[in-house]
C-alpha atoms as a PDB file:
ATOM      1  CA  UNK A   1      -7.061  -1.991 -13.879  1.00  0.00           C
ATOM      2  CA  UNK A   2      -9.242  -3.332 -11.077  1.00  0.00           C
ATOM      3  CA  UNK A   3      -8.623  -2.668  -7.400  1.00  0.00           C
ATOM      4  CA  UNK A   4      -7.482  -6.290  -7.037  1.00  0.00           C
ATOM      5  CA  UNK A   5      -4.785  -5.787  -9.693  1.00  0.00           C
ATOM      6  CA  UNK A   6      -3.685  -2.586  -7.977  1.00  0.00           C
ATOM      7  CA  UNK A   7      -3.383  -4.202  -4.555  1.00  0.00           C
ATOM      8  CA  UNK A   8      -1.470  -7.151  -6.051  1.00  0.00           C
ATOM      9  CA  UNK A   9       1.139  -4.828  -7.553  1.00  0.00           C
ATOM     10  CA  UNK A  10       1.341  -2.888  -4.281  1.00  0.00           C
ATOM     11  CA  UNK A  11       1.903  -6.116  -2.369  1.00  0.00           C
ATOM     12  CA  UNK A  12       4.698  -7.068  -4.755  1.00  0.00           C
ATOM     13  CA  UNK A  13       6.381  -3.700  -4.260  1.00  0.00           C
ATOM     14  CA  UNK A  14       5.876  -3.841  -0.500  1.00  0.00           C
ATOM     15  CA  UNK A  15       7.283  -7.355  -0.372  1.00  0.00           C
ATOM     16  CA  UNK A  16      10.368  -6.330  -2.344  1.00  0.00           C
ATOM     17  CA  UNK A  17      10.906  -3.315  -0.103  1.00  0.00           C
ATOM     18  CA  UNK A  18      10.589  -5.414   3.044  1.00  0.00           C
ATOM     19  CA  UNK A  19      13.135  -7.883   1.676  1.00  0.00           C
ATOM     20  CA  UNK A  20      15.490  -5.020   0.787  1.00  0.00           C
ATOM     21  CA  UNK A  21      15.034  -3.473   4.253  1.00  0.00           C
ATOM     22  CA  UNK A  22      15.971  -6.776   5.859  1.00  0.00           C
ATOM     23  CA  UNK A  23      19.087  -7.002   3.697  1.00  0.00           C
ATOM     24  CA  UNK A  24      20.120  -3.455   4.597  1.00  0.00           C
ATOM     25  CA  UNK A  25      19.619  -4.098   8.307  1.00  0.00           C
ATOM     26  CA  UNK A  26      21.542  -7.380   8.162  1.00  0.00           C
ATOM     27  CA  UNK A  27      24.390  -5.611   6.388  1.00  0.00           C
ATOM     28  CA  UNK A  28      24.342  -2.893   9.033  1.00  0.00           C
ATOM     29  CA  UNK A  29      23.790  -0.157   6.466  1.00  0.00           C
ATOM     30  CA  UNK A  30      21.760   2.339   8.462  1.00  0.00           C
ATOM     31  CA  UNK A  31      21.507   5.015   5.732  1.00  0.00           C
ATOM     32  CA  UNK A  32      20.340   2.388   3.211  1.00  0.00           C
ATOM     33  CA  UNK A  33      17.815   0.993   5.668  1.00  0.00           C
ATOM     34  CA  UNK A  34      16.477   4.504   6.323  1.00  0.00           C
ATOM     35  CA  UNK A  35      16.018   5.126   2.586  1.00  0.00           C
ATOM     36  CA  UNK A  36      14.235   1.814   2.075  1.00  0.00           C
ATOM     37  CA  UNK A  37      12.068   2.436   5.149  1.00  0.00           C
ATOM     38  CA  UNK A  38      11.018   5.815   3.734  1.00  0.00           C
ATOM     39  CA  UNK A  39      10.105   4.192   0.396  1.00  0.00           C
ATOM     40  CA  UNK A  40       8.197   1.469   2.255  1.00  0.00           C
ATOM     41  CA  UNK A  41       6.294   4.061   4.287  1.00  0.00           C
ATOM     42  CA  UNK A  42       5.359   5.956   1.121  1.00  0.00           C
ATOM     43  CA  UNK A  43       4.304   2.748  -0.628  1.00  0.00           C
ATOM     44  CA  UNK A  44       2.040   1.722   2.247  1.00  0.00           C
ATOM     45  CA  UNK A  45       0.474   5.194   2.409  1.00  0.00           C
ATOM     46  CA  UNK A  46      -0.283   5.084  -1.313  1.00  0.00           C
ATOM     47  CA  UNK A  47      -1.802   1.605  -1.010  1.00  0.00           C
ATOM     48  CA  UNK A  48      -3.915   2.702   1.942  1.00  0.00           C
ATOM     49  CA  UNK A  49      -5.146   5.802   0.107  1.00  0.00           C
ATOM     50  CA  UNK A  50      -5.970   3.813  -3.024  1.00  0.00           C
ATOM     51  CA  UNK A  51      -7.855   1.186  -1.026  1.00  0.00           C
ATOM     52  CA  UNK A  52      -9.747   3.819   0.948  1.00  0.00           C
ATOM     53  CA  UNK A  53     -10.802   5.544  -2.261  1.00  0.00           C
ATOM     54  CA  UNK A  54     -11.963   2.261  -3.789  1.00  0.00           C
ATOM     55  CA  UNK A  55     -13.986   1.391  -0.705  1.00  0.00           C
ATOM     56  CA  UNK A  56     -15.627   4.830  -0.672  1.00  0.00           C
ATOM     57  CA  UNK A  57     -16.527   4.468  -4.349  1.00  0.00           C
ATOM     58  CA  UNK A  58     -18.052   1.061  -3.735  1.00  0.00           C
ATOM     59  CA  UNK A  59     -19.986   2.390  -0.745  1.00  0.00           C
ATOM     60  CA  UNK A  60     -21.400   5.325  -2.661  1.00  0.00           C
ATOM     61  CA  UNK A  61     -22.642   3.031  -5.437  1.00  0.00           C
ATOM     62  CA  UNK A  62     -24.526   0.771  -3.036  1.00  0.00           C
ATOM     63  CA  UNK A  63     -26.346   3.457  -1.014  1.00  0.00           C
ATOM     64  CA  UNK A  64     -30.082   2.857  -0.865  1.00  0.00           C
ATOM     65  CA  UNK A  65     -32.569   5.403   0.386  1.00  0.00           C
ATOM     66  CA  UNK A  66     -35.878   4.162   1.781  1.00  0.00           C
ATOM     67  CA  UNK A  67     -38.743   6.511   2.519  1.00  0.00           C
ATOM     68  CA  UNK A  68     -41.441   5.366   4.871  1.00  0.00           C
END
């Protein structure tokens, strides 16, 4: 799975969670909204960590040392 595929699935999950959060808030279900918010927070942290790791891997592969 490429990093693009991973971020696409994360976006889908995040989008679904945001939609669910909106529904919970509109319904006035505070406990449900809190649960969805926690899941959303976790999802975003995982996506951020995965993206950070991918960027670090790309950076380490493109390092060039020049001696003068």
